[in-house]
Amino acid sequence: MSISPKGTNIPGSYRKCEDTECTRLVPCPHVRCQEHRTDMAVKDWVVQHKES
């Protein structure tokens, strides 16, 4: 599993959820885990995460 450097969006890599309290890793291009998402497609496109 590779971690995307800050400020980049590398398909196939992971980054930390943008929520300040969360430590989950989400796949790029997502920026938040399923629990912390605020977009309208929450039920249509499920974000699978990994615990860091």
PDB file of N, CA and C in Angstrom:
ATOM      1  N   MET A   1       0.850  -1.169   0.000  1.00  0.00           N
ATOM      2  CA  MET A   1       0.000   0.000   0.000  1.00  0.00           C
ATOM      3  C   MET A   1       0.898   1.236   0.000  1.00  0.00           C
ATOM      4  N   SER A   2       0.656   2.140  -0.939  1.00  0.00           N
ATOM      5  CA  SER A   2       1.454   3.357  -0.986  1.00  0.00           C
ATOM      6  C   SER A   2       0.630   4.552  -0.505  1.00  0.00           C
ATOM      7  N   ILE A   3       1.305   5.497   0.130  1.00  0.00           N
ATOM      8  CA  ILE A   3       0.676   6.708   0.647  1.00  0.00           C
ATOM      9  C   ILE A   3       0.984   7.856  -0.315  1.00  0.00           C
ATOM     10  N   SER A   4      -0.055   8.567  -0.722  1.00  0.00           N
ATOM     11  CA  SER A   4       0.105   9.701  -1.629  1.00  0.00           C
ATOM     12  C   SER A   4       0.723  10.878  -0.889  1.00  0.00           C
ATOM     13  N   PRO A   5       1.776  11.507  -1.439  1.00  0.00           N
ATOM     14  CA  PRO A   5       2.363  12.680  -0.795  1.00  0.00           C
ATOM     15  C   PRO A   5       1.328  13.801  -0.669  1.00  0.00           C
ATOM     16  N   LYS A   6       1.456  14.619   0.361  1.00  0.00           N
ATOM     17  CA  LYS A   6       0.507  15.706   0.603  1.00  0.00           C
ATOM     18  C   LYS A   6       0.385  16.596  -0.636  1.00  0.00           C
ATOM     19  N   GLY A   7      -0.845  16.916  -1.000  1.00  0.00           N
ATOM     20  CA  GLY A   7      -1.101  17.775  -2.144  1.00  0.00           C
ATOM     21  C   GLY A   7      -1.136  17.062  -3.483  1.00  0.00           C
ATOM     22  N   THR A   8      -1.011  15.723  -3.471  1.00  0.00           N
ATOM     23  CA  THR A   8      -1.056  14.974  -4.723  1.00  0.00           C
ATOM     24  C   THR A   8      -2.258  14.046  -4.746  1.00  0.00           C
ATOM     25  N   ASN A   9      -2.590  13.561  -5.927  1.00  0.00           N
ATOM     26  CA  ASN A   9      -3.709  12.655  -6.119  1.00  0.00           C
ATOM     27  C   ASN A   9      -3.249  11.542  -7.052  1.00  0.00           C
ATOM     28  N   ILE A  10      -2.681  10.505  -6.486  1.00  0.00           N
ATOM     29  CA  ILE A  10      -2.112   9.424  -7.279  1.00  0.00           C
ATOM     30  C   ILE A  10      -3.048   8.210  -7.216  1.00  0.00           C
ATOM     31  N   PRO A  11      -3.707   7.862  -8.339  1.00  0.00           N
ATOM     32  CA  PRO A  11      -4.593   6.698  -8.349  1.00  0.00           C
ATOM     33  C   PRO A  11      -3.868   5.443  -7.870  1.00  0.00           C
ATOM     34  N   GLY A  12      -4.556   4.657  -7.055  1.00  0.00           N
ATOM     35  CA  GLY A  12      -3.972   3.435  -6.518  1.00  0.00           C
ATOM     36  C   GLY A  12      -3.267   3.632  -5.191  1.00  0.00           C
ATOM     37  N   SER A  13      -3.138   4.873  -4.735  1.00  0.00           N
ATOM     38  CA  SER A  13      -2.500   5.135  -3.445  1.00  0.00           C
ATOM     39  C   SER A  13      -3.549   5.628  -2.447  1.00  0.00           C
ATOM     40  N   TYR A  14      -3.139   5.779  -1.211  1.00  0.00           N
ATOM     41  CA  TYR A  14      -4.046   6.179  -0.135  1.00  0.00           C
ATOM     42  C   TYR A  14      -3.585   7.481   0.496  1.00  0.00           C
ATOM     43  N   ARG A  15      -4.532   8.158   1.144  1.00  0.00           N
ATOM     44  CA  ARG A  15      -4.221   9.362   1.914  1.00  0.00           C
ATOM     45  C   ARG A  15      -5.077   9.369   3.170  1.00  0.00           C
ATOM     46  N   LYS A  16      -4.674  10.177   4.163  1.00  0.00           N
ATOM     47  CA  LYS A  16      -5.406  10.274   5.420  1.00  0.00           C
ATOM     48  C   LYS A  16      -6.708  11.029   5.192  1.00  0.00           C
ATOM     49  N   CYS A  17      -7.780  10.592   5.845  1.00  0.00           N
ATOM     50  CA  CYS A  17      -9.066  11.286   5.784  1.00  0.00           C
ATOM     51  C   CYS A  17      -8.862  12.728   6.231  1.00  0.00           C
ATOM     52  N   GLU A  18      -9.525  13.686   5.562  1.00  0.00           N
ATOM     53  CA  GLU A  18      -9.357  15.103   5.882  1.00  0.00           C
ATOM     54  C   GLU A  18      -9.988  15.515   7.209  1.00  0.00           C
ATOM     55  N   ASP A  19     -10.847  14.682   7.788  1.00  0.00           N
ATOM     56  CA  ASP A  19     -11.419  15.017   9.088  1.00  0.00           C
ATOM     57  C   ASP A  19     -10.304  14.998  10.131  1.00  0.00           C
ATOM     58  N   THR A  20     -10.201  16.039  10.919  1.00  0.00           N
ATOM     59  CA  THR A  20      -9.069  16.177  11.845  1.00  0.00           C
ATOM     60  C   THR A  20      -9.027  15.100  12.920  1.00  0.00           C
ATOM     61  N   GLU A  21     -10.150  14.530  13.288  1.00  0.00           N
ATOM     62  CA  GLU A  21     -10.203  13.510  14.337  1.00  0.00           C
ATOM     63  C   GLU A  21     -10.008  12.091  13.795  1.00  0.00           C
ATOM     64  N   CYS A  22     -10.072  11.917  12.497  1.00  0.00           N
ATOM     65  CA  CYS A  22     -10.063  10.587  11.877  1.00  0.00           C
ATOM     66  C   CYS A  22      -8.651  10.165  11.482  1.00  0.00           C
ATOM     67  N   THR A  23      -8.344   8.882  11.665  1.00  0.00           N
ATOM     68  CA  THR A  23      -7.026   8.360  11.287  1.00  0.00           C
ATOM     69  C   THR A  23      -7.116   7.334  10.156  1.00  0.00           C
ATOM     70  N   ARG A  24      -8.274   7.200   9.534  1.00  0.00           N
ATOM     71  CA  ARG A  24      -8.448   6.233   8.448  1.00  0.00           C
ATOM     72  C   ARG A  24      -7.736   6.683   7.189  1.00  0.00           C
ATOM     73  N   LEU A  25      -7.360   5.703   6.377  1.00  0.00           N
ATOM     74  CA  LEU A  25      -6.744   5.964   5.084  1.00  0.00           C
ATOM     75  C   LEU A  25      -7.778   5.675   4.006  1.00  0.00           C
ATOM     76  N   VAL A  26      -7.947   6.602   3.063  1.00  0.00           N
ATOM     77  CA  VAL A  26      -8.921   6.451   1.985  1.00  0.00           C
ATOM     78  C   VAL A  26      -8.187   6.428   0.649  1.00  0.00           C
ATOM     79  N   PRO A  27      -8.737   5.690  -0.331  1.00  0.00           N
ATOM     80  CA  PRO A  27      -8.074   5.634  -1.639  1.00  0.00           C
ATOM     81  C   PRO A  27      -8.248   6.944  -2.405  1.00  0.00           C
ATOM     82  N   CYS A  28      -7.213   7.355  -3.120  1.00  0.00           N
ATOM     83  CA  CYS A  28      -7.322   8.522  -4.003  1.00  0.00           C
ATOM     84  C   CYS A  28      -8.300   8.166  -5.119  1.00  0.00           C
ATOM     85  N   PRO A  29      -9.149   9.037  -5.573  1.00  0.00           N
ATOM     86  CA  PRO A  29      -9.169  10.471  -5.406  1.00  0.00           C
ATOM     87  C   PRO A  29     -10.024  10.954  -4.223  1.00  0.00           C
ATOM     88  N   HIS A  30     -10.521  10.062  -3.393  1.00  0.00           N
ATOM     89  CA  HIS A  30     -11.354  10.485  -2.256  1.00  0.00           C
ATOM     90  C   HIS A  30     -10.517  11.245  -1.238  1.00  0.00           C
ATOM     91  N   VAL A  31     -11.173  12.128  -0.479  1.00  0.00           N
ATOM     92  CA  VAL A  31     -10.474  12.909   0.527  1.00  0.00           C
ATOM     93  C   VAL A  31     -11.014  12.659   1.931  1.00  0.00           C
ATOM     94  N   ARG A  32     -12.175  11.993   2.028  1.00  0.00           N
ATOM     95  CA  ARG A  32     -12.769  11.670   3.327  1.00  0.00           C
ATOM     96  C   ARG A  32     -13.304  10.251   3.319  1.00  0.00           C
ATOM     97  N   CYS A  33     -13.311   9.616   4.485  1.00  0.00           N
ATOM     98  CA  CYS A  33     -13.858   8.271   4.599  1.00  0.00           C
ATOM     99  C   CYS A  33     -15.385   8.327   4.508  1.00  0.00           C
ATOM    100  N   GLN A  34     -16.015   7.185   4.360  1.00  0.00           N
ATOM    101  CA  GLN A  34     -17.468   7.111   4.193  1.00  0.00           C
ATOM    102  C   GLN A  34     -18.202   7.820   5.335  1.00  0.00           C
ATOM    103  N   GLU A  35     -17.736   7.679   6.547  1.00  0.00           N
ATOM    104  CA  GLU A  35     -18.393   8.266   7.720  1.00  0.00           C
ATOM    105  C   GLU A  35     -18.338   9.797   7.719  1.00  0.00           C
ATOM    106  N   HIS A  36     -17.305  10.387   7.133  1.00  0.00           N
ATOM    107  CA  HIS A  36     -17.122  11.836   7.181  1.00  0.00           C
ATOM    108  C   HIS A  36     -17.412  12.552   5.865  1.00  0.00           C
ATOM    109  N   ARG A  37     -17.932  11.839   4.880  1.00  0.00           N
ATOM    110  CA  ARG A  37     -18.256  12.448   3.590  1.00  0.00           C
ATOM    111  C   ARG A  37     -19.396  13.443   3.713  1.00  0.00           C
ATOM    112  N   THR A  38     -19.382  14.471   2.883  1.00  0.00           N
ATOM    113  CA  THR A  38     -20.440  15.472   2.881  1.00  0.00           C
ATOM    114  C   THR A  38     -21.064  15.643   1.497  1.00  0.00           C
ATOM    115  N   ASP A  39     -20.625  14.862   0.511  1.00  0.00           N
ATOM    116  CA  ASP A  39     -21.168  15.009  -0.841  1.00  0.00           C
ATOM    117  C   ASP A  39     -22.510  14.292  -0.975  1.00  0.00           C
ATOM    118  N   MET A  40     -23.169  14.479  -2.088  1.00  0.00           N
ATOM    119  CA  MET A  40     -24.511  13.943  -2.309  1.00  0.00           C
ATOM    120  C   MET A  40     -24.529  12.468  -2.721  1.00  0.00           C
ATOM    121  N   ALA A  41     -23.408  11.890  -3.109  1.00  0.00           N
ATOM    122  CA  ALA A  41     -23.365  10.505  -3.592  1.00  0.00           C
ATOM    123  C   ALA A  41     -22.971   9.514  -2.509  1.00  0.00           C
ATOM    124  N   VAL A  42     -23.258   9.826  -1.253  1.00  0.00           N
ATOM    125  CA  VAL A  42     -22.833   8.985  -0.132  1.00  0.00           C
ATOM    126  C   VAL A  42     -23.341   7.549  -0.278  1.00  0.00           C
ATOM    127  N   LYS A  43     -24.586   7.366  -0.701  1.00  0.00           N
ATOM    128  CA  LYS A  43     -25.147   6.014  -0.814  1.00  0.00           C
ATOM    129  C   LYS A  43     -24.821   5.358  -2.147  1.00  0.00           C
ATOM    130  N   ASP A  44     -24.525   6.160  -3.186  1.00  0.00           N
ATOM    131  CA  ASP A  44     -24.266   5.614  -4.519  1.00  0.00           C
ATOM    132  C   ASP A  44     -22.841   5.130  -4.707  1.00  0.00           C
ATOM    133  N   TRP A  45     -21.882   5.716  -4.003  1.00  0.00           N
ATOM    134  CA  TRP A  45     -20.472   5.415  -4.192  1.00  0.00           C
ATOM    135  C   TRP A  45     -19.826   5.270  -2.821  1.00  0.00           C
ATOM    136  N   VAL A  46     -19.685   4.046  -2.352  1.00  0.00           N
ATOM    137  CA  VAL A  46     -19.160   3.764  -1.024  1.00  0.00           C
ATOM    138  C   VAL A  46     -17.634   3.804  -1.053  1.00  0.00           C
ATOM    139  N   VAL A  47     -17.060   4.560  -0.111  1.00  0.00           N
ATOM    140  CA  VAL A  47     -15.601   4.675  -0.002  1.00  0.00           C
ATOM    141  C   VAL A  47     -15.105   3.620   0.993  1.00  0.00           C
ATOM    142  N   GLN A  48     -14.303   2.699   0.491  1.00  0.00           N
ATOM    143  CA  GLN A  48     -13.702   1.686   1.356  1.00  0.00           C
ATOM    144  C   GLN A  48     -12.446   2.285   1.978  1.00  0.00           C
ATOM    145  N   HIS A  49     -12.268   2.104   3.275  1.00  0.00           N
ATOM    146  CA  HIS A  49     -11.099   2.686   3.925  1.00  0.00           C
ATOM    147  C   HIS A  49     -10.258   1.601   4.581  1.00  0.00           C
ATOM    148  N   LYS A  50      -9.073   1.977   5.005  1.00  0.00           N
ATOM    149  CA  LYS A  50      -8.179   1.113   5.791  1.00  0.00           C
ATOM    150  C   LYS A  50      -7.860   1.855   7.073  1.00  0.00           C
ATOM    151  N   GLU A  51      -7.755   1.120   8.140  1.00  0.00           N
ATOM    152  CA  GLU A  51      -7.375   1.744   9.423  1.00  0.00           C
ATOM    153  C   GLU A  51      -5.868   1.951   9.421  1.00  0.00           C
ATOM    154  N   SER A  52      -5.435   3.123   9.848  1.00  0.00           N
ATOM    155  CA  SER A  52      -3.986   3.382   9.864  1.00  0.00           C
ATOM    156  C   SER A  52      -3.367   2.955  11.173  1.00  0.00           C
TER     157      SER A  52
END
